Amino acid sequence: MSREPNYEFQEWWNKQREKNHDFFTNDSNNANKGFLTVEIRSLNPDLTTEKDRSRSARQLSWICLLRFQQLANSLAWITNSFLLLLRTANRRISAADSPCDSSASRLYRIIKFFLVLVVLLLCVELVAYFKGWHFSPPSAASAEAAVELFYALWLEIRADYLAPPLQSLANVCIVLFLIQSMDRVLLMLGCLWIKIRRIKPTASMEYPMGRVETGNVDDYPMVLVQIPMCNEKEVYQQSIAAVCILDWPKERMLVQVLDDSDELDAQNLIQAEVQKWHQKGVHILYRHRLIRSGYKAGNLKSAMSCDYIKNYEFVAIFDADFQPAPDFLKKTIPHFKGNDDLALVQARWAFVNKDENLLTRLQNINLSFHFEVEQQVNGVFINFFGFNGTAGVWRIKALEDCGGWLERTTVEDMDIAVRAHLCGWKFVYLNDVKCYCELPESYEAYKKQQYRWHSGPMQLFRLCFLDILHSKVNKAKKANLIFLFFLLRKLILPFYSFTLFCIILPLTIFLPEAELPAWVVCYVPGIMSVLNILPAPRSFPFIVPYLLFENTMSVTKFNAMISGLFRLGNSYEWIVTKKLGRSSEADLVAFENESDSSVTETTSFLRSSSDSGLEELSKLEVTSRRSVKTKRNRLYRMELTLAFILLSAAGRSLLSAQGMHFYFLLFQGISFLVVGLDLIGEQVS
């Protein structure tokens, strides 16, 4: 039986012969042709070859059609995905449903115009780079083409007219930056001095720890405890329970639950919790306002207008997510004994969810510096600091002396602290007395909180500036209030942070005649970040994200500062910070080892209290499930626009081989992009 002819070998050999035609010629007179050529014959060679060739052509056509179909499907998928992305982005773009969004429309239009300008400049610089004009800039006299003449005129305009004012503005911001950095350094030195000398406020007397005997209560002053809340169903149980088990004689303490909730479900749950504790013998009252005017300040003002308030000497205030330790009053009230000019004793905040996500870790760094350094240094050296609005005890006489709670700003706590300071009252800060609370875990909640915290001080500064000048306090206290407390720490800080790193720095990349030194971009901010992170040493691995995130938040703080100073947008609207109920019994047990023995004795009692309201809560469970909407990550247009601006500037910096500026702009742009896409904080689907 004869072997079947090998067509594949024949095709391969023919290809090799064609490839090496220089060596194998086609001369018909070559005598060695038969020797060099191998022919494989078959019965019908022509038919087989034609059949094979016709099959290959048909396969090639099918492959082309298949490739074309795949390409069409890919283009259709890309188009549909892009349209879906646009529709989704349009739905998730941050709408003007909060003061920080509505008042940002003016600033957003300016930033959007700035983005268009930056993109045009980047296109011009790309053309100049590929033309080689970066290495040999053309002049107007030697320019030949219209494009070359345009670029030469642009170089003259930016060098003579644009760069000088930009450089002047950059120098002003650098000076402000250095002044604010020196303030931080002095605060750190003051904190170091306190640590070395072990300076701390001391009380003239101490209360014995443990349960108070019923017959020995004359040494305990009458204390009013207030818990203002509004639609906070997640945390009301823990806060009421923690206050009701305070180690203080029941007949010497009254608890006011000041409920401003407009949701009937929340009102019913809070009323049931108050009724339960009242049946256990706790002196507790439930107050609800029908007209919710003045927000928290109006709520507190309404509660202080009751006739029975004259029987009480002190008032302790706790927000709905705060849970004081049972010995809180025993550690704070003694400082008032023998200090008749003492108005406020402020405790430190501690956070049960500081390690929940990256956002809470970064917040913990900021607030640790605020309490460990700012509050402690100001309390020790000048006996004045801003009241934090909660976890503090006020002398009621001091509140009445300075005019009580006013509804004129969204920072009623700072307002009453400034007025009390102008009346000559003193403050004490206790860094070793902690009150646990919850940090906002979503960027949306944190942004609204920061907007209120930075717009309110500017409202207050505008209202009380003349009062400070006409007050009877000495000139040093007036200068401290105006230049340090308000201007430097509330106005200058957000102004230069946003202007220097988000506006001036990208512009200096496109206008290289105006320079921003590398030590301003990298070294000094790095040193300041190290100083800020020292009170929270466990957070050192997050020093770079902290630096980038602080610059990212500068746009929100700057917008809030401008809105509060010039009364733009809805700067007077109060937005309650959303709580998730992290400070629950599981979190309290985690901190059980850090508390005193008195806390350990009452832990079981606190656990039992957390069962209150379960029946009411179960009745509303079906309704709550129906009303809950699926959360989706929002898109923040202002942050996204700034991200594109910084990334465009990073691309221009790369063309000029500016290493330090390029890396800073690149990572800062990525930081804005992450925040703008709502990828930081609470992860929602």
Foldseek 3Di string as FASTA:
>chain_A
DDDDDDVVVVVVVVVVCVVVCVVVPPDPPDPCVVVVDDDDDDPCVVVVVVVVVVVVVVVVVVVVVVVVVVVVVVVVVVVVVVVVVVVVQVVQADDPPAQLRQLCPVVLVVLLVVLVVLVVLLVLVVVCLVVVCVVPPDACVPDDDPSSNVSNVVLVCLLPPNQPVLLVVLVVLVVLVVVLLVVLVVLLVLLVVCVVVVDADDFPDFDDDDADDPVPQPVPFAEEEEEEDEPFQLQQLQAVLLVQLARHDQVRYAYEYQYAYPDPLSVVLNVLLQVVSVVVPHRYDYHYDPDCPLPPLVSVVVVCPDPCVVRGFKYAYAYRFKRFFNCLCRVFVSRCVPPVLAFKEAEAEDELCCPVFPVSVLVCLQSLCCQSGVVQSCCVPPQADFHPRHRMMGGVVLCVVLPHFDSQFLRSRRLSRVSSVLVPGGYHYGHPGYIYGHDFQFPVLVLSVLLRVQLRLLLSCVVCVVVLVPGPDDPVVSCCVPVPVRPSPRPSVLVSLACNQLPSLLVCLSSVSNDDDLCSLPVSLLVSLVSSRVSPVVSVVCSVVSSLVVSLSSVSSNSSNVCNNVVGGPNRDDDDRHDNNSPDLVSVVVCQVVDDPSSVVCSVVSVVSSCGSPVSCVVCVVVVVVPDDADDFHAHSSLLSSLSSLQSSLVSCVSVVPVSSNVSSNVSSVSSVCVRRRVGGDDGD
